PDB file of N, CA and C in Angstrom:
ATOM      1  N   MET A   1       0.857  -1.177  -0.002  1.00  0.00           N
ATOM      2  CA  MET A   1      -0.033  -0.044  -0.041  1.00  0.00           C
ATOM      3  C   MET A   1       0.891   1.239  -0.002  1.00  0.00           C
ATOM      4  N   PRO A   2       0.759   2.060  -0.976  1.00  0.00           N
ATOM      5  CA  PRO A   2       1.594   3.244  -1.026  1.00  0.00           C
ATOM      6  C   PRO A   2       1.138   4.297  -0.124  1.00  0.00           C
ATOM      7  N   PHE A   3       2.082   5.017   0.556  1.00  0.00           N
ATOM      8  CA  PHE A   3       1.771   6.095   1.357  1.00  0.00           C
ATOM      9  C   PHE A   3       1.958   7.378   0.580  1.00  0.00           C
ATOM     10  N   THR A   4       0.840   7.973   0.101  1.00  0.00           N
ATOM     11  CA  THR A   4       0.968   9.073  -0.865  1.00  0.00           C
ATOM     12  C   THR A   4       0.787  10.428  -0.257  1.00  0.00           C
ATOM     13  N   VAL A   5       0.516  10.473   1.063  1.00  0.00           N
ATOM     14  CA  VAL A   5       0.201  11.700   1.759  1.00  0.00           C
ATOM     15  C   VAL A   5       1.284  11.889   2.839  1.00  0.00           C
ATOM     16  N   ARG A   6       1.854  13.086   2.894  1.00  0.00           N
ATOM     17  CA  ARG A   6       2.719  13.475   4.024  1.00  0.00           C
ATOM     18  C   ARG A   6       2.081  14.634   4.729  1.00  0.00           C
ATOM     19  N   ILE A   7       1.881  14.489   5.977  1.00  0.00           N
ATOM     20  CA  ILE A   7       1.296  15.615   6.760  1.00  0.00           C
ATOM     21  C   ILE A   7       2.361  16.549   7.181  1.00  0.00           C
ATOM     22  N   PRO A   8       2.211  17.826   6.797  1.00  0.00           N
ATOM     23  CA  PRO A   8       3.290  18.790   7.196  1.00  0.00           C
ATOM     24  C   PRO A   8       3.311  18.930   8.732  1.00  0.00           C
ATOM     25  N   ASP A   9       4.528  19.293   9.164  1.00  0.00           N
ATOM     26  CA  ASP A   9       4.720  19.362  10.637  1.00  0.00           C
ATOM     27  C   ASP A   9       3.776  20.309  11.349  1.00  0.00           C
ATOM     28  N   ASP A  10       3.352  21.371  10.701  1.00  0.00           N
ATOM     29  CA  ASP A  10       2.475  22.311  11.328  1.00  0.00           C
ATOM     30  C   ASP A  10       0.986  21.889  11.307  1.00  0.00           C
ATOM     31  N   LYS A  11       0.722  20.790  10.614  1.00  0.00           N
ATOM     32  CA  LYS A  11      -0.595  20.173  10.540  1.00  0.00           C
ATOM     33  C   LYS A  11      -0.787  18.879  11.373  1.00  0.00           C
ATOM     34  N   VAL A  12       0.325  18.418  11.978  1.00  0.00           N
ATOM     35  CA  VAL A  12       0.268  17.215  12.801  1.00  0.00           C
ATOM     36  C   VAL A  12      -0.564  17.421  14.027  1.00  0.00           C
ATOM     37  N   ASP A  13      -1.481  16.515  14.275  1.00  0.00           N
ATOM     38  CA  ASP A  13      -2.349  16.589  15.374  1.00  0.00           C
ATOM     39  C   ASP A  13      -1.648  16.111  16.614  1.00  0.00           C
ATOM     40  N   LYS A  14      -1.205  17.021  17.417  1.00  0.00           N
ATOM     41  CA  LYS A  14      -0.443  16.671  18.646  1.00  0.00           C
ATOM     42  C   LYS A  14      -1.308  15.959  19.720  1.00  0.00           C
ATOM     43  N   GLY A  15      -2.643  16.089  19.620  1.00  0.00           N
ATOM     44  CA  GLY A  15      -3.482  15.489  20.565  1.00  0.00           C
ATOM     45  C   GLY A  15      -4.103  14.181  20.048  1.00  0.00           C
ATOM     46  N   LEU A  16      -3.577  13.643  18.990  1.00  0.00           N
ATOM     47  CA  LEU A  16      -4.159  12.443  18.378  1.00  0.00           C
ATOM     48  C   LEU A  16      -4.143  11.217  19.375  1.00  0.00           C
ATOM     49  N   ARG A  17      -3.022  11.111  20.078  1.00  0.00           N
ATOM     50  CA  ARG A  17      -2.981   9.951  20.998  1.00  0.00           C
ATOM     51  C   ARG A  17      -4.118  10.064  22.027  1.00  0.00           C
ATOM     52  N   ASP A  18      -4.380  11.187  22.574  1.00  0.00           N
ATOM     53  CA  ASP A  18      -5.427  11.315  23.555  1.00  0.00           C
ATOM     54  C   ASP A  18      -6.802  11.077  22.957  1.00  0.00           C
ATOM     55  N   LYS A  19      -7.010  11.546  21.717  1.00  0.00           N
ATOM     56  CA  LYS A  19      -8.250  11.347  21.017  1.00  0.00           C
ATOM     57  C   LYS A  19      -8.480   9.815  20.775  1.00  0.00           C
ATOM     58  N   LEU A  20      -7.406   9.154  20.352  1.00  0.00           N
ATOM     59  CA  LEU A  20      -7.536   7.729  20.104  1.00  0.00           C
ATOM     60  C   LEU A  20      -7.845   6.965  21.395  1.00  0.00           C
ATOM     61  N   LEU A  21      -7.144   7.369  22.418  1.00  0.00           N
ATOM     62  CA  LEU A  21      -7.415   6.717  23.754  1.00  0.00           C
ATOM     63  C   LEU A  21      -8.893   6.910  24.193  1.00  0.00           C
ATOM     64  N   ALA A  22      -9.381   8.075  23.936  1.00  0.00           N
ATOM     65  CA  ALA A  22     -10.779   8.377  24.370  1.00  0.00           C
ATOM     66  C   ALA A  22     -11.806   7.516  23.539  1.00  0.00           C
ATOM     67  N   GLU A  23     -11.358   7.163  22.348  1.00  0.00           N
ATOM     68  CA  GLU A  23     -12.241   6.293  21.454  1.00  0.00           C
ATOM     69  C   GLU A  23     -11.884   4.840  21.493  1.00  0.00           C
ATOM     70  N   ALA A  24     -10.975   4.493  22.396  1.00  0.00           N
ATOM     71  CA  ALA A  24     -10.513   3.077  22.469  1.00  0.00           C
ATOM     72  C   ALA A  24     -11.660   2.059  22.518  1.00  0.00           C
ATOM     73  N   PRO A  25     -12.649   2.260  23.359  1.00  0.00           N
ATOM     74  CA  PRO A  25     -13.708   1.194  23.317  1.00  0.00           C
ATOM     75  C   PRO A  25     -14.387   1.017  22.004  1.00  0.00           C
ATOM     76  N   ALA A  26     -14.699   2.129  21.276  1.00  0.00           N
ATOM     77  CA  ALA A  26     -15.342   2.055  19.983  1.00  0.00           C
ATOM     78  C   ALA A  26     -14.408   1.414  18.970  1.00  0.00           C
ATOM     79  N   ILE A  27     -13.087   1.818  19.057  1.00  0.00           N
ATOM     80  CA  ILE A  27     -12.133   1.184  18.092  1.00  0.00           C
ATOM     81  C   ILE A  27     -12.032  -0.279  18.368  1.00  0.00           C
ATOM     82  N   LEU A  28     -12.063  -0.770  19.569  1.00  0.00           N
ATOM     83  CA  LEU A  28     -11.977  -2.150  19.863  1.00  0.00           C
ATOM     84  C   LEU A  28     -13.266  -2.901  19.389  1.00  0.00           C
ATOM     85  N   ALA A  29     -14.443  -2.208  19.611  1.00  0.00           N
ATOM     86  CA  ALA A  29     -15.701  -2.812  19.063  1.00  0.00           C
ATOM     87  C   ALA A  29     -15.621  -2.956  17.593  1.00  0.00           C
ATOM     88  N   TRP A  30     -15.068  -1.909  16.832  1.00  0.00           N
ATOM     89  CA  TRP A  30     -14.984  -1.950  15.395  1.00  0.00           C
ATOM     90  C   TRP A  30     -14.058  -3.140  14.974  1.00  0.00           C
ATOM     91  N   ALA A  31     -13.008  -3.309  15.704  1.00  0.00           N
ATOM     92  CA  ALA A  31     -12.031  -4.394  15.378  1.00  0.00           C
ATOM     93  C   ALA A  31     -12.668  -5.767  15.591  1.00  0.00           C
ATOM     94  N   VAL A  32     -13.412  -5.915  16.672  1.00  0.00           N
ATOM     95  CA  VAL A  32     -14.077  -7.156  16.987  1.00  0.00           C
ATOM     96  C   VAL A  32     -15.137  -7.468  15.935  1.00  0.00           C
ATOM     97  N   LYS A  33     -15.914  -6.445  15.607  1.00  0.00           N
ATOM     98  CA  LYS A  33     -16.931  -6.626  14.570  1.00  0.00           C
ATOM     99  C   LYS A  33     -16.319  -7.081  13.237  1.00  0.00           C
ATOM    100  N   GLY A  34     -15.169  -6.463  12.876  1.00  0.00           N
ATOM    101  CA  GLY A  34     -14.435  -6.931  11.633  1.00  0.00           C
ATOM    102  C   GLY A  34     -13.960  -8.370  11.765  1.00  0.00           C
ATOM    103  N   ALA A  35     -13.456  -8.720  12.956  1.00  0.00           N
ATOM    104  CA  ALA A  35     -12.949 -10.118  13.129  1.00  0.00           C
ATOM    105  C   ALA A  35     -14.108 -11.102  13.008  1.00  0.00           C
ATOM    106  N   VAL A  36     -15.257 -10.747  13.547  1.00  0.00           N
ATOM    107  CA  VAL A  36     -16.461 -11.643  13.416  1.00  0.00           C
ATOM    108  C   VAL A  36     -16.899 -11.738  11.976  1.00  0.00           C
ATOM    109  N   ALA A  37     -16.890 -10.654  11.273  1.00  0.00           N
ATOM    110  CA  ALA A  37     -17.235 -10.668   9.895  1.00  0.00           C
ATOM    111  C   ALA A  37     -16.318 -11.562   9.065  1.00  0.00           C
ATOM    112  N   TYR A  38     -15.002 -11.418   9.392  1.00  0.00           N
ATOM    113  CA  TYR A  38     -14.016 -12.236   8.709  1.00  0.00           C
ATOM    114  C   TYR A  38     -14.215 -13.740   9.022  1.00  0.00           C
ATOM    115  N   ALA A  39     -14.481 -14.029  10.230  1.00  0.00           N
ATOM    116  CA  ALA A  39     -14.664 -15.443  10.631  1.00  0.00           C
ATOM    117  C   ALA A  39     -15.890 -16.035   9.910  1.00  0.00           C
ATOM    118  N   GLN A  40     -16.910 -15.251   9.756  1.00  0.00           N
ATOM    119  CA  GLN A  40     -18.132 -15.759   9.111  1.00  0.00           C
ATOM    120  C   GLN A  40     -17.987 -15.874   7.669  1.00  0.00           C
ATOM    121  N   SER A  41     -17.403 -14.880   7.021  1.00  0.00           N
ATOM    122  CA  SER A  41     -17.310 -14.885   5.489  1.00  0.00           C
ATOM    123  C   SER A  41     -16.000 -15.344   4.910  1.00  0.00           C
ATOM    124  N   GLY A  42     -14.915 -15.161   5.706  1.00  0.00           N
ATOM    125  CA  GLY A  42     -13.590 -15.700   5.230  1.00  0.00           C
ATOM    126  C   GLY A  42     -12.909 -14.623   4.317  1.00  0.00           C
ATOM    127  N   THR A  43     -13.585 -13.424   4.249  1.00  0.00           N
ATOM    128  CA  THR A  43     -12.926 -12.368   3.441  1.00  0.00           C
ATOM    129  C   THR A  43     -13.356 -11.006   4.057  1.00  0.00           C
ATOM    130  N   LEU A  44     -12.459 -10.056   3.830  1.00  0.00           N
ATOM    131  CA  LEU A  44     -12.783  -8.714   4.339  1.00  0.00           C
ATOM    132  C   LEU A  44     -13.007  -7.755   3.097  1.00  0.00           C
ATOM    133  N   GLY A  45     -12.752  -8.231   1.883  1.00  0.00           N
ATOM    134  CA  GLY A  45     -12.849  -7.374   0.746  1.00  0.00           C
ATOM    135  C   GLY A  45     -11.528  -6.663   0.460  1.00  0.00           C
ATOM    136  N   THR A  46     -11.470  -5.935  -0.596  1.00  0.00           N
ATOM    137  CA  THR A  46     -10.214  -5.231  -0.930  1.00  0.00           C
ATOM    138  C   THR A  46     -10.567  -3.835  -1.318  1.00  0.00           C
ATOM    139  N   ALA A  47      -9.860  -2.898  -0.648  1.00  0.00           N
ATOM    140  CA  ALA A  47     -10.026  -1.472  -1.017  1.00  0.00           C
ATOM    141  C   ALA A  47      -9.543  -1.186  -2.438  1.00  0.00           C
ATOM    142  N   ALA A  48     -10.206  -0.274  -3.162  1.00  0.00           N
ATOM    143  CA  ALA A  48      -9.810   0.025  -4.484  1.00  0.00           C
ATOM    144  C   ALA A  48      -8.404   0.514  -4.543  1.00  0.00           C
ATOM    145  N   ALA A  49      -7.933   1.233  -3.585  1.00  0.00           N
ATOM    146  CA  ALA A  49      -6.555   1.783  -3.613  1.00  0.00           C
ATOM    147  C   ALA A  49      -5.563   0.619  -3.517  1.00  0.00           C
ATOM    148  N   VAL A  50      -5.867  -0.358  -2.735  1.00  0.00           N
ATOM    149  CA  VAL A  50      -4.945  -1.490  -2.504  1.00  0.00           C
ATOM    150  C   VAL A  50      -4.979  -2.318  -3.805  1.00  0.00           C
ATOM    151  N   ALA A  51      -6.102  -2.582  -4.371  1.00  0.00           N
ATOM    152  CA  ALA A  51      -6.206  -3.313  -5.666  1.00  0.00           C
ATOM    153  C   ALA A  51      -5.443  -2.634  -6.788  1.00  0.00           C
ATOM    154  N   GLY A  52      -5.521  -1.296  -6.867  1.00  0.00           N
ATOM    155  CA  GLY A  52      -4.792  -0.603  -7.884  1.00  0.00           C
ATOM    156  C   GLY A  52      -3.283  -0.601  -7.667  1.00  0.00           C
ATOM    157  N   ALA A  53      -2.891  -0.479  -6.429  1.00  0.00           N
ATOM    158  CA  ALA A  53      -1.419  -0.615  -6.023  1.00  0.00           C
ATOM    159  C   ALA A  53      -0.898  -1.945  -6.292  1.00  0.00           C
ATOM    160  N   THR A  54      -1.634  -2.919  -6.011  1.00  0.00           N
ATOM    161  CA  THR A  54      -1.220  -4.309  -6.350  1.00  0.00           C
ATOM    162  C   THR A  54      -1.075  -4.597  -7.787  1.00  0.00           C
ATOM    163  N   ASP A  55      -2.073  -4.099  -8.582  1.00  0.00           N
ATOM    164  CA  ASP A  55      -1.978  -4.282 -10.028  1.00  0.00           C
ATOM    165  C   ASP A  55      -0.717  -3.572 -10.619  1.00  0.00           C
ATOM    166  N   ALA A  56      -0.530  -2.384 -10.174  1.00  0.00           N
ATOM    167  CA  ALA A  56       0.619  -1.581 -10.630  1.00  0.00           C
ATOM    168  C   ALA A  56       1.925  -2.294 -10.260  1.00  0.00           C
ATOM    169  N   TYR A  57       2.016  -2.867  -9.011  1.00  0.00           N
ATOM    170  CA  TYR A  57       3.213  -3.561  -8.618  1.00  0.00           C
ATOM    171  C   TYR A  57       3.466  -4.802  -9.497  1.00  0.00           C
ATOM    172  N   ARG A  58       2.341  -5.507  -9.785  1.00  0.00           N
ATOM    173  CA  ARG A  58       2.505  -6.724 -10.613  1.00  0.00           C
ATOM    174  C   ARG A  58       2.986  -6.352 -12.046  1.00  0.00           C
ATOM    175  N   MET A  59       2.519  -5.228 -12.581  1.00  0.00           N
ATOM    176  CA  MET A  59       2.955  -4.830 -13.895  1.00  0.00           C
ATOM    177  C   MET A  59       4.405  -4.419 -13.922  1.00  0.00           C
ATOM    178  N   GLU A  60       4.823  -3.705 -12.873  1.00  0.00           N
ATOM    179  CA  GLU A  60       6.219  -3.231 -12.762  1.00  0.00           C
ATOM    180  C   GLU A  60       7.165  -4.410 -12.490  1.00  0.00           C
ATOM    181  N   SER A  61       6.679  -5.468 -11.941  1.00  0.00           N
ATOM    182  CA  SER A  61       7.446  -6.575 -11.515  1.00  0.00           C
ATOM    183  C   SER A  61       7.400  -7.724 -12.489  1.00  0.00           C
ATOM    184  N   ASP A  62       6.987  -7.495 -13.705  1.00  0.00           N
ATOM    185  CA  ASP A  62       6.768  -8.501 -14.723  1.00  0.00           C
ATOM    186  C   ASP A  62       7.708  -8.271 -15.947  1.00  0.00           C
ATOM    187  N   PRO A  63       8.992  -8.632 -15.770  1.00  0.00           N
ATOM    188  CA  PRO A  63       9.930  -8.393 -16.889  1.00  0.00           C
ATOM    189  C   PRO A  63       9.573  -9.145 -18.147  1.00  0.00           C
ATOM    190  N   LEU A  64       9.039 -10.272 -18.038  1.00  0.00           N
ATOM    191  CA  LEU A  64       8.649 -11.064 -19.269  1.00  0.00           C
ATOM    192  C   LEU A  64       7.510 -10.265 -20.001  1.00  0.00           C
ATOM    193  N   GLY A  65       6.530  -9.799 -19.223  1.00  0.00           N
ATOM    194  CA  GLY A  65       5.441  -9.106 -19.863  1.00  0.00           C
ATOM    195  C   GLY A  65       5.924  -7.847 -20.532  1.00  0.00           C
ATOM    196  N   ARG A  66       6.824  -7.138 -19.898  1.00  0.00           N
ATOM    197  CA  ARG A  66       7.387  -5.907 -20.468  1.00  0.00           C
ATOM    198  C   ARG A  66       8.128  -6.246 -21.756  1.00  0.00           C
ATOM    199  N   PHE A  67       8.903  -7.361 -21.768  1.00  0.00           N
ATOM    200  CA  PHE A  67       9.662  -7.827 -22.834  1.00  0.00           C
ATOM    201  C   PHE A  67       8.756  -8.088 -24.074  1.00  0.00           C
ATOM    202  N   LEU A  68       7.687  -8.873 -23.780  1.00  0.00           N
ATOM    203  CA  LEU A  68       6.741  -9.266 -24.878  1.00  0.00           C
ATOM    204  C   LEU A  68       6.005  -8.019 -25.370  1.00  0.00           C
TER     205      LEU A  68
END
């Protein structure tokens, strides 16, 4: 997964840790819900950005395809 965004130093949220700690119960519930969905279906799906990055990587890493 490419990291295409860099947050400028003056835009970094210095209070992010505290905000995440305040939301910890909801974050845990979200993670558990995802784990249950995965256990039931066996898949979580694929984000479009991940699929695109994977396809681009495969194309770049295919010397035979580029040769042909």
